[in-house]
Every structure is written in structure tokens, then in C-alpha cells.
Amino acid sequence: MLPPKVAPQKGVLVTIFRKDEERAQVMERATKLAKDLGAHIDTRDGLTPLGASRSAGCI
């Protein structure tokens, strides 16, 4: 981990949507938030929120 002032990314956004029809709207909002916050969007498919947190080393 790096201090926020030197970190290339300030955080990671994990998008969650229930239907494929929601994907475009969710990604549009996530893209704006990522730009405003200096964050990265995790677009990997097939992971649940629990799986994503475990892969990051959280429990």
C-alpha cells in the first residue's frame, strides 16, 4: 500500500448489477466516479462480492 498522494490508483470500484440491461448504466456511473476519485474499475466477470474480497486478501 502506498500513501494516497503517491498511489497510482486511490481505490477500486467493483460494479454490481443484476441484469445485463443494467450494465451500461452502472458502467457509465462507475466510469464517472472512477475519473473523479482516481480509482480503477474492476471489470472481471464471474466473481461475487465475496469472491472479490477474498481475492484482495480480506475476510
N, C-alpha and C. Protein backbone atom coordinates (compact mmCIF):
# COMPACT_ATOMS: atom_id res chain seq x y z
N MET A 1 0.83 -1.17 0.00
CA MET A 1 0.00 0.00 0.00
C MET A 1 0.88 1.24 0.00
N LEU A 2 0.43 2.22 -0.72
CA LEU A 2 1.14 3.49 -0.80
C LEU A 2 0.26 4.61 -0.25
N PRO A 3 0.88 5.67 0.23
CA PRO A 3 0.08 6.82 0.66
C PRO A 3 -0.72 7.37 -0.53
N PRO A 4 -1.92 7.91 -0.28
CA PRO A 4 -2.78 8.39 -1.36
C PRO A 4 -2.11 9.37 -2.32
N LYS A 5 -1.21 10.20 -1.82
CA LYS A 5 -0.60 11.20 -2.69
C LYS A 5 0.32 10.59 -3.75
N VAL A 6 0.87 9.41 -3.49
CA VAL A 6 1.79 8.79 -4.46
C VAL A 6 1.21 7.55 -5.12
N ALA A 7 0.08 7.06 -4.64
CA ALA A 7 -0.53 5.86 -5.22
C ALA A 7 -1.07 6.15 -6.61
N PRO A 8 -0.82 5.27 -7.57
CA PRO A 8 -1.34 5.49 -8.92
C PRO A 8 -2.86 5.39 -8.98
N GLN A 9 -3.45 4.59 -8.09
CA GLN A 9 -4.90 4.45 -8.01
C GLN A 9 -5.30 4.63 -6.56
N LYS A 10 -6.36 5.38 -6.34
CA LYS A 10 -6.79 5.68 -4.98
C LYS A 10 -7.72 4.62 -4.41
N GLY A 11 -8.24 3.77 -5.27
CA GLY A 11 -9.16 2.72 -4.83
C GLY A 11 -9.62 1.91 -6.02
N VAL A 12 -10.48 0.94 -5.74
CA VAL A 12 -11.03 0.08 -6.79
C VAL A 12 -12.54 0.05 -6.65
N LEU A 13 -13.24 0.27 -7.75
CA LEU A 13 -14.69 0.17 -7.77
C LEU A 13 -15.07 -1.20 -8.32
N VAL A 14 -15.95 -1.89 -7.62
CA VAL A 14 -16.46 -3.18 -8.08
C VAL A 14 -17.91 -2.96 -8.47
N THR A 15 -18.22 -3.15 -9.74
CA THR A 15 -19.58 -2.92 -10.22
C THR A 15 -20.44 -4.15 -9.97
N ILE A 16 -21.66 -3.91 -9.54
CA ILE A 16 -22.62 -4.99 -9.28
C ILE A 16 -23.92 -4.62 -9.95
N PHE A 17 -24.43 -5.52 -10.76
CA PHE A 17 -25.72 -5.31 -11.40
C PHE A 17 -26.40 -6.66 -11.50
N ARG A 18 -27.74 -6.64 -11.54
CA ARG A 18 -28.49 -7.89 -11.55
C ARG A 18 -28.81 -8.37 -12.96
N LYS A 19 -29.05 -7.43 -13.86
CA LYS A 19 -29.44 -7.79 -15.23
C LYS A 19 -28.47 -7.17 -16.21
N ASP A 20 -28.29 -7.83 -17.35
CA ASP A 20 -27.40 -7.29 -18.38
C ASP A 20 -27.86 -5.92 -18.86
N GLU A 21 -29.16 -5.65 -18.78
CA GLU A 21 -29.69 -4.36 -19.21
C GLU A 21 -29.17 -3.23 -18.31
N GLU A 22 -28.82 -3.53 -17.09
CA GLU A 22 -28.33 -2.53 -16.14
C GLU A 22 -26.84 -2.21 -16.34
N ARG A 23 -26.14 -3.07 -17.05
CA ARG A 23 -24.69 -2.96 -17.17
C ARG A 23 -24.24 -1.59 -17.71
N ALA A 24 -24.86 -1.13 -18.79
CA ALA A 24 -24.44 0.14 -19.40
C ALA A 24 -24.61 1.31 -18.44
N GLN A 25 -25.73 1.34 -17.74
CA GLN A 25 -25.99 2.43 -16.79
C GLN A 25 -25.00 2.38 -15.62
N VAL A 26 -24.76 1.19 -15.11
CA VAL A 26 -23.82 1.03 -13.99
C VAL A 26 -22.41 1.41 -14.41
N MET A 27 -21.98 0.96 -15.58
CA MET A 27 -20.63 1.26 -16.05
C MET A 27 -20.45 2.75 -16.35
N GLU A 28 -21.49 3.39 -16.85
CA GLU A 28 -21.41 4.84 -17.11
C GLU A 28 -21.18 5.59 -15.80
N ARG A 29 -21.92 5.24 -14.78
CA ARG A 29 -21.77 5.90 -13.48
C ARG A 29 -20.43 5.55 -12.85
N ALA A 30 -20.02 4.30 -12.94
CA ALA A 30 -18.74 3.87 -12.36
C ALA A 30 -17.57 4.58 -13.05
N THR A 31 -17.66 4.76 -14.36
CA THR A 31 -16.59 5.44 -15.10
C THR A 31 -16.44 6.88 -14.62
N LYS A 32 -17.57 7.56 -14.42
CA LYS A 32 -17.52 8.94 -13.92
C LYS A 32 -16.93 8.99 -12.51
N LEU A 33 -17.39 8.08 -11.65
CA LEU A 33 -16.85 8.05 -10.28
C LEU A 33 -15.36 7.74 -10.27
N ALA A 34 -14.94 6.78 -11.09
CA ALA A 34 -13.53 6.41 -11.14
C ALA A 34 -12.67 7.59 -11.57
N LYS A 35 -13.15 8.33 -12.55
CA LYS A 35 -12.41 9.51 -13.01
C LYS A 35 -12.33 10.56 -11.91
N ASP A 36 -13.45 10.82 -11.25
CA ASP A 36 -13.49 11.84 -10.18
C ASP A 36 -12.63 11.45 -8.98
N LEU A 37 -12.60 10.16 -8.66
CA LEU A 37 -11.90 9.70 -7.46
C LEU A 37 -10.47 9.22 -7.72
N GLY A 38 -10.10 9.05 -8.97
CA GLY A 38 -8.78 8.50 -9.28
C GLY A 38 -8.71 7.02 -8.97
N ALA A 39 -9.83 6.32 -9.20
CA ALA A 39 -9.92 4.90 -8.87
C ALA A 39 -9.88 4.05 -10.14
N HIS A 40 -9.78 2.75 -9.94
CA HIS A 40 -9.77 1.75 -11.02
C HIS A 40 -11.10 1.01 -10.95
N ILE A 41 -11.64 0.61 -12.10
CA ILE A 41 -12.87 -0.19 -12.14
C ILE A 41 -12.49 -1.64 -12.37
N ASP A 42 -12.89 -2.51 -11.46
CA ASP A 42 -12.65 -3.94 -11.61
C ASP A 42 -13.77 -4.51 -12.48
N THR A 43 -13.46 -4.86 -13.71
CA THR A 43 -14.48 -5.33 -14.65
C THR A 43 -14.44 -6.85 -14.85
N ARG A 44 -13.77 -7.55 -13.97
CA ARG A 44 -13.71 -9.01 -14.11
C ARG A 44 -15.10 -9.61 -13.93
N ASP A 45 -15.46 -10.54 -14.80
CA ASP A 45 -16.74 -11.24 -14.71
C ASP A 45 -16.57 -12.52 -13.91
N GLY A 46 -17.68 -13.01 -13.37
CA GLY A 46 -17.66 -14.30 -12.72
C GLY A 46 -17.27 -14.28 -11.25
N LEU A 47 -17.06 -13.12 -10.68
CA LEU A 47 -16.74 -13.04 -9.27
C LEU A 47 -17.91 -12.46 -8.50
N THR A 48 -18.19 -13.02 -7.35
CA THR A 48 -19.20 -12.43 -6.48
C THR A 48 -18.49 -11.43 -5.57
N PRO A 49 -19.23 -10.56 -4.91
CA PRO A 49 -18.56 -9.63 -3.98
C PRO A 49 -17.72 -10.36 -2.94
N LEU A 50 -18.18 -11.51 -2.46
CA LEU A 50 -17.40 -12.28 -1.50
C LEU A 50 -16.12 -12.79 -2.15
N GLY A 51 -16.21 -13.29 -3.37
CA GLY A 51 -15.02 -13.77 -4.07
C GLY A 51 -14.02 -12.65 -4.33
N ALA A 52 -14.53 -11.46 -4.65
CA ALA A 52 -13.65 -10.33 -4.90
C ALA A 52 -12.92 -9.91 -3.64
N SER A 53 -13.61 -9.92 -2.50
CA SER A 53 -12.95 -9.51 -1.25
C SER A 53 -11.93 -10.55 -0.81
N ARG A 54 -12.21 -11.81 -1.05
CA ARG A 54 -11.24 -12.85 -0.69
C ARG A 54 -9.99 -12.76 -1.56
N SER A 55 -10.17 -12.43 -2.85
CA SER A 55 -9.00 -12.35 -3.72
C SER A 55 -8.14 -11.15 -3.37
N ALA A 56 -8.71 -10.17 -2.69
CA ALA A 56 -7.95 -9.00 -2.27
C ALA A 56 -7.30 -9.22 -0.91
N GLY A 57 -7.53 -10.40 -0.32
CA GLY A 57 -6.91 -10.71 0.96
C GLY A 57 -7.75 -10.31 2.16
N CYS A 58 -9.00 -9.94 1.92
CA CYS A 58 -9.89 -9.56 3.02
C CYS A 58 -10.78 -10.73 3.38
N ILE A 59 -11.26 -10.74 4.61
CA ILE A 59 -12.20 -11.78 5.03
C ILE A 59 -13.42 -11.13 5.64
